[in-house]
């Protein structure tokens, strides 16, 4: 694929993938305001975030097989339409229970833009070329955590937290136009699977029996679980505990996100030189080491904002290598059911992250230690899974 077409596809897929995260990242600076506006505590407000992630995971179970059966574009249209409708409803929510429910439905719509772009990458490429496209996709996707919190802070300052949902509704509508005008169908009718429930169940059963696939998904899931805990707890830690303004919090959040997406751009280059498996092991171990050091600092009483920012910056950079490598390696062996494999991977990642957020929420106090503990535990499990998964194979590292 010529570079111009390669980059154009990365741009389209990255923008579609970013629509759901925009609904998360623009929303983060508003969490304290939502609690005050709807007379809800920290726990119920965090559930409006958790419910979105839960739906984002569950929804992928359906979209993946549907995209293998009917092509990639029809499920995208449905999901984006649902996302737009529920975003408007969120903007009109009158209490926290309604918001939690609507955020769940919004997450079901956003799931289409999460799972299907990964399947399209697998339709087009494998190996290091897939890693290159995935990294470019993530570079475009990086506009969400880098700019969305700042944009959310601006919208909140001008029109209040409800304005965030009107903005993401417009982004969802723009996504429909992008699918219609700029995204070709990458799964021809001849490549589509027979559309039966039994066929979908068989595909999932095949994946669930593949220990290597599950190991790779587990590495990515638990490594990212720490990020989910950070996502839910950081607004309260930085704004309430450390006294940052929403704009200052957005800048701190964006700094850590930048580390993730900048290092992701080195995935293909490092993969060609060292092998994708070796890169995964090194990066997961680096993230685990940084977060264990962070936990040790806070357990010893070093309650410093800059300690948190700097060490999590290092961990985020390592995660930027773990996520694309594990995704590419997990999908490489499952091209005929790439949509289903992408769906199960996304679902497990979201469910692990949701459980991690929920557990951390039980101990949430607004102080950094519970959040940092959850972040470190997820990373350590990810490190353990790298050694279990790649320890099964003593052959050469993955090559293109």
Protein backbone atom coordinates (compact mmCIF):
# COMPACT_ATOMS: atom_id res chain seq x y z
CA UNK A 1 0.00 0.00 0.00
CA UNK A 2 1.49 3.41 -0.97
CA UNK A 3 2.40 5.61 1.97
CA UNK A 4 -0.29 8.21 1.17
CA UNK A 5 -3.01 5.53 1.16
CA UNK A 6 -1.42 3.90 4.22
CA UNK A 7 -1.51 7.17 6.16
CA UNK A 8 -5.02 8.01 4.93
CA UNK A 9 -6.30 4.67 6.21
CA UNK A 10 -4.55 5.26 9.56
CA UNK A 11 -6.19 8.69 9.75
CA UNK A 12 -9.68 7.32 9.07
CA UNK A 13 -9.34 4.38 11.47
CA UNK A 14 -7.73 6.54 14.14
CA UNK A 15 -10.53 9.10 14.02
CA UNK A 16 -13.18 6.38 14.26
CA UNK A 17 -11.34 4.75 17.15
CA UNK A 18 -11.07 8.10 18.96
CA UNK A 19 -14.80 8.87 19.05
CA UNK A 20 -15.50 6.63 22.05
CA UNK A 21 -12.41 7.74 24.01
CA UNK A 22 -13.37 11.36 23.36
CA UNK A 23 -16.57 10.60 25.27
CA UNK A 24 -14.34 9.48 28.15
CA UNK A 25 -11.53 12.01 28.09
CA UNK A 26 -13.64 15.13 27.56
CA UNK A 27 -15.78 13.90 30.43
CA UNK A 28 -13.01 13.45 33.01
CA UNK A 29 -12.60 17.11 34.08
CA UNK A 30 -16.37 17.27 34.60
CA UNK A 31 -16.59 14.47 37.19
CA UNK A 32 -16.43 16.70 40.28
CA UNK A 33 -18.94 19.15 38.71
CA UNK A 34 -21.33 16.33 37.81
CA UNK A 35 -21.27 15.12 41.40
CA UNK A 36 -22.24 18.59 42.63
CA UNK A 37 -24.85 19.16 39.93
CA UNK A 38 -26.60 15.82 40.38
CA UNK A 39 -26.00 15.64 44.17
CA UNK A 40 -23.99 12.42 43.91
CA UNK A 41 -20.89 11.18 45.73
CA UNK A 42 -17.58 10.04 44.28
CA UNK A 43 -18.67 6.39 43.97
CA UNK A 44 -21.89 6.97 41.98
CA UNK A 45 -20.15 9.48 39.71
CA UNK A 46 -17.36 6.99 39.01
CA UNK A 47 -20.03 4.43 38.10
CA UNK A 48 -21.07 6.67 35.20
CA UNK A 49 -17.55 6.08 33.89
CA UNK A 50 -17.45 2.40 34.83
CA UNK A 51 -20.77 1.68 33.10
CA UNK A 52 -19.41 3.15 29.87
CA UNK A 53 -16.36 0.88 30.00
CA UNK A 54 -18.50 -2.15 30.84
CA UNK A 55 -20.70 -1.54 27.80
CA UNK A 56 -17.65 -0.83 25.65
CA UNK A 57 -16.47 -4.34 26.46
CA UNK A 58 -19.79 -6.17 26.19
CA UNK A 59 -20.75 -4.48 22.93
CA UNK A 60 -17.66 -5.73 21.14
CA UNK A 61 -18.81 -9.34 21.58
CA UNK A 62 -21.65 -8.61 19.14
CA UNK A 63 -19.93 -6.24 16.72
CA UNK A 64 -17.00 -8.54 16.00
CA UNK A 65 -18.96 -11.53 14.64
CA UNK A 66 -21.43 -9.20 12.90
CA UNK A 67 -18.56 -7.52 11.06
CA UNK A 68 -17.25 -10.97 10.01
CA UNK A 69 -20.72 -11.86 8.70
CA UNK A 70 -21.92 -8.65 7.04
CA UNK A 71 -18.76 -6.65 6.38
CA UNK A 72 -17.08 -3.93 8.40
CA UNK A 73 -19.24 -0.92 7.49
CA UNK A 74 -22.86 -1.86 8.41
CA UNK A 75 -22.10 -2.47 12.12
CA UNK A 76 -20.15 0.80 12.20
CA UNK A 77 -23.20 2.70 10.96
CA UNK A 78 -25.42 1.14 13.61
CA UNK A 79 -22.99 1.72 16.47
CA UNK A 80 -22.32 5.34 15.58
CA UNK A 81 -26.04 6.09 15.26
CA UNK A 82 -26.65 4.62 18.73
CA UNK A 83 -23.75 6.64 20.09
CA UNK A 84 -25.15 9.91 18.72
CA UNK A 85 -28.65 9.29 20.07
CA UNK A 86 -27.50 8.38 23.58
CA UNK A 87 -25.02 11.27 23.71
CA UNK A 88 -27.92 13.65 23.23
CA UNK A 89 -29.86 11.83 25.95
CA UNK A 90 -26.86 12.09 28.35
CA UNK A 91 -26.84 15.85 27.82
CA UNK A 92 -30.45 15.94 29.07
CA UNK A 93 -30.03 13.55 32.05
CA UNK A 94 -31.60 14.81 35.26
CA UNK A 95 -30.14 12.43 37.87
CA UNK A 96 -27.12 10.19 38.34
CA UNK A 97 -29.04 6.92 37.84
CA UNK A 98 -30.27 8.03 34.44
CA UNK A 99 -26.78 9.18 33.51
CA UNK A 100 -25.23 5.83 34.50
CA UNK A 101 -27.79 3.95 32.36
CA UNK A 102 -27.40 6.27 29.39
CA UNK A 103 -23.63 6.07 29.60
CA UNK A 104 -23.97 2.29 29.38
CA UNK A 105 -26.00 2.61 26.18
CA UNK A 106 -23.56 5.18 24.86
CA UNK A 107 -20.74 2.70 25.45
CA UNK A 108 -22.62 0.03 23.47
CA UNK A 109 -22.63 2.40 20.51
CA UNK A 110 -18.99 3.38 20.94
CA UNK A 111 -17.92 -0.29 20.93
CA UNK A 112 -18.29 -0.46 17.14
CA UNK A 113 -15.57 2.15 16.64
CA UNK A 114 -13.32 0.31 19.07
CA UNK A 115 -13.39 -3.21 17.68
CA UNK A 116 -13.88 -2.86 13.92
CA UNK A 117 -10.84 -0.67 13.09
CA UNK A 118 -8.55 -3.36 14.56
CA UNK A 119 -10.21 -5.97 12.34
CA UNK A 120 -9.72 -3.70 9.31
CA UNK A 121 -5.99 -3.49 10.13
CA UNK A 122 -5.87 -7.30 10.08
CA UNK A 123 -7.81 -7.37 6.79
CA UNK A 124 -5.08 -5.28 5.20
CA UNK A 125 -1.80 -6.33 6.88
CA UNK A 126 -0.02 -8.75 9.21
CA UNK A 127 3.27 -8.71 11.13
CA UNK A 128 5.37 -5.55 11.29
CA UNK A 129 3.30 -3.80 8.59
CA UNK A 130 0.23 -4.33 10.77
CA UNK A 131 2.20 -3.01 13.75
CA UNK A 132 3.16 0.04 11.68
CA UNK A 133 -0.45 0.74 10.72
CA UNK A 134 -1.62 0.10 14.28
CA UNK A 135 0.98 2.55 15.60
CA UNK A 136 -0.06 5.22 13.08
CA UNK A 137 -3.68 4.61 14.00
CA UNK A 138 -2.75 5.15 17.65
CA UNK A 139 -0.92 8.36 16.74
CA UNK A 140 -4.14 9.74 15.26
CA UNK A 141 -6.07 8.26 18.16
CA UNK A 142 -3.78 10.18 20.51
CA UNK A 143 -5.71 13.36 19.76
CA UNK A 144 -8.25 12.15 22.32
CA UNK A 145 -6.18 11.95 25.53
CA UNK A 146 -3.98 14.84 24.44
CA UNK A 147 -6.67 17.35 23.46
CA UNK A 148 -9.98 16.01 24.76
CA UNK A 149 -9.43 16.86 28.46
CA UNK A 150 -8.42 20.40 27.48
CA UNK A 151 -11.37 20.69 25.12
CA UNK A 152 -13.63 19.32 27.83
CA UNK A 153 -12.34 21.89 30.32
CA UNK A 154 -13.07 24.67 27.83
CA UNK A 155 -16.57 23.41 27.10
CA UNK A 156 -17.31 23.00 30.81
CA UNK A 157 -16.09 26.53 31.54
CA UNK A 158 -18.31 27.97 28.79
CA UNK A 159 -21.55 25.97 28.99
CA UNK A 160 -21.19 23.42 31.81
CA UNK A 161 -20.70 19.67 31.80
CA UNK A 162 -23.77 18.95 29.65
CA UNK A 163 -22.07 20.68 26.75
CA UNK A 164 -19.53 17.86 26.63
CA UNK A 165 -22.21 15.43 25.48
CA UNK A 166 -23.49 17.78 22.77
CA UNK A 167 -19.94 17.99 21.43
CA UNK A 168 -19.40 14.22 21.36
CA UNK A 169 -22.80 13.79 19.66
CA UNK A 170 -21.51 16.02 16.85
CA UNK A 171 -18.30 13.97 16.69
CA UNK A 172 -20.34 10.79 16.34
CA UNK A 173 -22.33 12.32 13.49
CA UNK A 174 -19.05 13.29 11.82
CA UNK A 175 -17.94 9.67 12.19
CA UNK A 176 -20.94 8.51 10.16
CA UNK A 177 -19.86 10.81 7.32
CA UNK A 178 -16.29 9.51 7.52
CA UNK A 179 -17.49 5.89 7.19
CA UNK A 180 -19.71 6.80 4.26
CA UNK A 181 -17.20 8.84 2.27
CA UNK A 182 -13.70 7.79 3.25
CA UNK A 183 -13.75 4.16 4.39
CA UNK A 184 -13.81 1.37 1.79
CA UNK A 185 -15.24 -2.02 2.66
CA UNK A 186 -12.22 -4.25 3.41
CA UNK A 187 -14.04 -7.58 3.79
CA UNK A 188 -15.37 -8.81 0.46
CA UNK A 189 -18.57 -10.93 0.32
CA UNK A 190 -16.46 -13.98 -0.53
CA UNK A 191 -14.47 -13.58 2.71
CA UNK A 192 -17.49 -13.24 5.00
CA UNK A 193 -18.47 -16.03 7.34
CA UNK A 194 -21.84 -17.72 7.24
CA UNK A 195 -24.14 -15.68 9.46
CA UNK A 196 -25.27 -18.11 12.14
CA UNK A 197 -25.21 -18.00 15.91
CA UNK A 198 -23.51 -21.39 15.92
CA UNK A 199 -20.76 -20.06 13.66
CA UNK A 200 -20.11 -17.12 15.99
CA UNK A 201 -20.06 -19.43 19.01
CA UNK A 202 -17.61 -21.76 17.25
CA UNK A 203 -15.30 -18.85 16.46
CA UNK A 204 -15.30 -17.74 20.10
CA UNK A 205 -14.72 -21.32 21.25
CA UNK A 206 -11.71 -21.56 18.92
CA UNK A 207 -10.22 -18.42 20.46
CA UNK A 208 -10.94 -19.47 24.04
CA UNK A 209 -8.97 -22.69 23.47
CA UNK A 210 -5.94 -20.83 22.10
CA UNK A 211 -3.62 -20.36 25.08
CA UNK A 212 -1.25 -18.08 23.16
CA UNK A 213 -4.08 -15.79 22.05
CA UNK A 214 -5.47 -15.59 25.60
CA UNK A 215 -2.01 -14.95 27.01
CA UNK A 216 -1.40 -12.07 24.62
CA UNK A 217 -4.81 -10.58 25.35
CA UNK A 218 -4.15 -10.97 29.07
CA UNK A 219 -0.82 -9.12 28.84
CA UNK A 220 -2.49 -6.15 27.16
CA UNK A 221 -5.53 -6.28 29.43
CA UNK A 222 -3.71 -6.26 32.76
CA UNK A 223 -1.07 -3.81 31.60
CA UNK A 224 -3.87 -1.44 30.62
CA UNK A 225 -5.85 -2.14 33.81
CA UNK A 226 -3.56 0.26 35.64
CA UNK A 227 -4.48 2.94 33.12
CA UNK A 228 -8.19 2.35 33.76
CA UNK A 229 -7.62 2.78 37.49
CA UNK A 230 -5.70 5.99 36.79
CA UNK A 231 -8.47 7.19 34.50
CA UNK A 232 -11.14 6.81 37.18
CA UNK A 233 -9.14 8.08 40.13
CA UNK A 234 -6.94 10.81 38.69
CA UNK A 235 -9.57 13.60 38.48
CA UNK A 236 -10.23 13.34 42.22
CA UNK A 237 -6.54 12.92 43.10
CA UNK A 238 -5.25 15.80 41.00
CA UNK A 239 -8.18 18.22 41.42
CA UNK A 240 -9.37 17.50 44.96
CA UNK A 241 -6.21 16.15 46.64
CA UNK A 242 -3.49 18.19 44.91
CA UNK A 243 -5.68 21.23 44.21
CA UNK A 244 -5.21 21.51 40.46
CA UNK A 245 -7.75 23.31 38.31
CA UNK A 246 -9.53 21.27 35.59
CA UNK A 247 -7.25 22.85 32.96
CA UNK A 248 -4.10 22.02 34.97
CA UNK A 249 -5.36 18.48 35.45
CA UNK A 250 -5.96 18.19 31.71
CA UNK A 251 -2.35 19.22 31.03
CA UNK A 252 -1.03 16.66 33.53
CA UNK A 253 -3.19 13.94 32.00
CA UNK A 254 -2.13 14.89 28.47
CA UNK A 255 1.55 14.72 29.40
CA UNK A 256 1.25 11.10 30.45
CA UNK A 257 -0.85 10.24 27.42
CA UNK A 258 1.79 11.77 25.13
CA UNK A 259 4.37 9.28 26.40
CA UNK A 260 2.07 6.39 25.42
CA UNK A 261 1.49 7.51 21.85
CA UNK A 262 5.00 8.75 21.09
CA UNK A 263 6.62 5.44 22.05
CA UNK A 264 3.96 3.54 20.09
CA UNK A 265 5.46 5.00 16.90
CA UNK A 266 8.65 2.98 17.49
CA UNK A 267 6.76 -0.34 17.60
CA UNK A 268 7.41 -1.48 14.02
CA UNK A 269 11.05 -0.32 14.03
CA UNK A 270 11.82 -2.10 17.30
CA UNK A 271 9.84 -5.14 16.14
CA UNK A 272 11.95 -5.46 12.98
CA UNK A 273 15.16 -5.21 14.98
CA UNK A 274 14.38 -7.28 18.07
CA UNK A 275 11.14 -9.14 17.33
CA UNK A 276 7.68 -8.19 18.57
CA UNK A 277 7.71 -10.76 21.37
CA UNK A 278 10.94 -9.45 22.88
CA UNK A 279 9.67 -5.87 22.67
CA UNK A 280 6.53 -6.92 24.53
CA UNK A 281 8.48 -8.55 27.35
CA UNK A 282 10.82 -5.59 27.79
CA UNK A 283 8.04 -3.00 27.67
CA UNK A 284 5.70 -4.84 30.06
CA UNK A 285 8.58 -5.32 32.48
CA UNK A 286 9.46 -1.63 32.27
CA UNK A 287 5.89 -0.59 33.05
CA UNK A 288 5.77 -2.98 36.00
CA UNK A 289 9.07 -1.74 37.41
CA UNK A 290 8.05 1.94 37.18
CA UNK A 291 4.70 1.33 38.89
CA UNK A 292 6.19 -0.84 41.66
CA UNK A 293 8.66 1.97 42.35
CA UNK A 294 5.75 4.44 42.40
CA UNK A 295 3.85 2.28 44.89
CA UNK A 296 6.92 1.97 47.10
CA UNK A 297 7.32 5.76 47.16
CA UNK A 298 3.75 6.34 48.27
CA UNK A 299 3.81 3.53 50.83
CA UNK A 300 6.88 5.18 52.34
CA UNK A 301 4.99 8.47 52.60
CA UNK A 302 6.28 10.32 49.54
CA UNK A 303 2.93 11.89 48.63
CA UNK A 304 4.27 14.02 45.79
CA UNK A 305 2.40 15.00 42.66
CA UNK A 306 5.57 15.15 40.56
CA UNK A 307 6.62 11.68 41.72
CA UNK A 308 3.30 10.41 40.42
CA UNK A 309 3.56 12.30 37.12
CA UNK A 310 7.17 11.35 36.33
CA UNK A 311 6.97 7.63 37.18
CA UNK A 312 3.62 7.21 35.47
CA UNK A 313 5.07 9.00 32.43
CA UNK A 314 7.69 6.22 32.21
CA UNK A 315 5.07 3.50 32.70
CA UNK A 316 2.84 5.06 30.02
CA UNK A 317 5.70 5.07 27.56
CA UNK A 318 6.21 1.36 28.11
CA UNK A 319 2.48 0.70 27.70
CA UNK A 320 2.67 2.41 24.32
CA UNK A 321 4.78 -0.51 23.13
CA UNK A 322 2.84 -3.28 24.89
CA UNK A 323 -0.61 -2.53 23.48
CA UNK A 324 0.08 -2.52 19.71
CA UNK A 325 2.48 -5.48 19.88
CA UNK A 326 0.08 -7.71 21.81
CA UNK A 327 -2.82 -6.72 19.53
CA UNK A 328 -0.89 -7.54 16.35
CA UNK A 329 0.47 -10.82 17.70
CA UNK A 330 -2.96 -11.91 18.96
CA UNK A 331 -4.68 -11.23 15.61
CA UNK A 332 -1.94 -12.56 13.31
CA UNK A 333 -3.04 -16.19 13.58
CA UNK A 334 -6.77 -15.50 13.22
CA UNK A 335 -7.26 -13.65 9.93
CA UNK A 336 -10.49 -15.44 8.88
CA UNK A 337 -12.15 -14.41 12.16
CA UNK A 338 -10.29 -11.15 12.71
CA UNK A 339 -13.47 -9.31 13.72
CA UNK A 340 -14.35 -11.91 16.32
CA UNK A 341 -10.76 -12.09 17.60
CA UNK A 342 -10.62 -8.30 17.87
CA UNK A 343 -13.98 -8.30 19.66
CA UNK A 344 -12.98 -10.87 22.26
CA UNK A 345 -9.69 -9.05 22.83
CA UNK A 346 -11.46 -5.73 23.30
CA UNK A 347 -14.13 -7.23 25.52
CA UNK A 348 -11.63 -8.88 27.83
CA UNK A 349 -9.57 -5.70 28.01
CA UNK A 350 -12.63 -3.64 28.91
CA UNK A 351 -13.91 -6.17 31.45
CA UNK A 352 -10.53 -6.46 33.17
CA UNK A 353 -10.28 -2.68 33.24
CA UNK A 354 -13.83 -2.32 34.55
CA UNK A 355 -13.25 -4.82 37.35
CA UNK A 356 -10.01 -3.04 38.24
CA UNK A 357 -11.82 0.32 38.38
CA UNK A 358 -14.63 -1.14 40.45
CA UNK A 359 -12.22 -2.73 42.95
CA UNK A 360 -10.18 0.45 43.20
CA UNK A 361 -13.42 2.39 43.68
CA UNK A 362 -14.23 0.33 46.76
CA UNK A 363 -11.13 1.75 48.42
CA UNK A 364 -11.23 5.20 46.82
CA UNK A 365 -10.69 7.99 49.31
CA UNK A 366 -9.51 10.78 47.03
CA UNK A 367 -5.89 10.16 48.13
CA UNK A 368 -3.33 8.70 45.69
CA UNK A 369 -2.41 5.44 47.49
CA UNK A 370 -5.49 3.32 46.58
CA UNK A 371 -5.19 4.43 42.96
CA UNK A 372 -1.45 3.76 42.81
CA UNK A 373 -1.92 0.31 44.38
CA UNK A 374 -4.41 -0.67 41.68
CA UNK A 375 -2.14 0.62 38.95
CA UNK A 376 0.83 -1.40 40.22
CA UNK A 377 -1.14 -4.62 40.71
CA UNK A 378 -2.39 -4.60 37.12
CA UNK A 379 1.08 -4.03 35.71
CA UNK A 380 2.59 -6.83 37.82
CA UNK A 381 0.01 -9.34 36.58
CA UNK A 382 0.83 -8.22 33.03
CA UNK A 383 4.53 -8.89 33.63
CA UNK A 384 3.78 -12.36 34.99
CA UNK A 385 1.68 -13.17 31.92
CA UNK A 386 4.48 -12.19 29.54
CA UNK A 387 6.78 -14.77 31.05
CA UNK A 388 4.07 -17.43 31.08
CA UNK A 389 2.97 -16.76 27.50
CA UNK A 390 6.36 -16.44 25.85
CA UNK A 391 7.96 -19.00 28.12
CA UNK A 392 5.81 -21.61 26.33
CA UNK A 393 7.81 -21.02 23.17
CA UNK A 394 11.56 -21.27 22.99
CA UNK A 395 11.77 -20.60 19.27
CA UNK A 396 12.80 -17.36 17.56
CA UNK A 397 10.94 -14.13 18.19
CA UNK A 398 8.11 -13.22 15.88
CA UNK A 399 9.29 -11.99 12.50
CA UNK A 400 7.39 -10.34 9.63
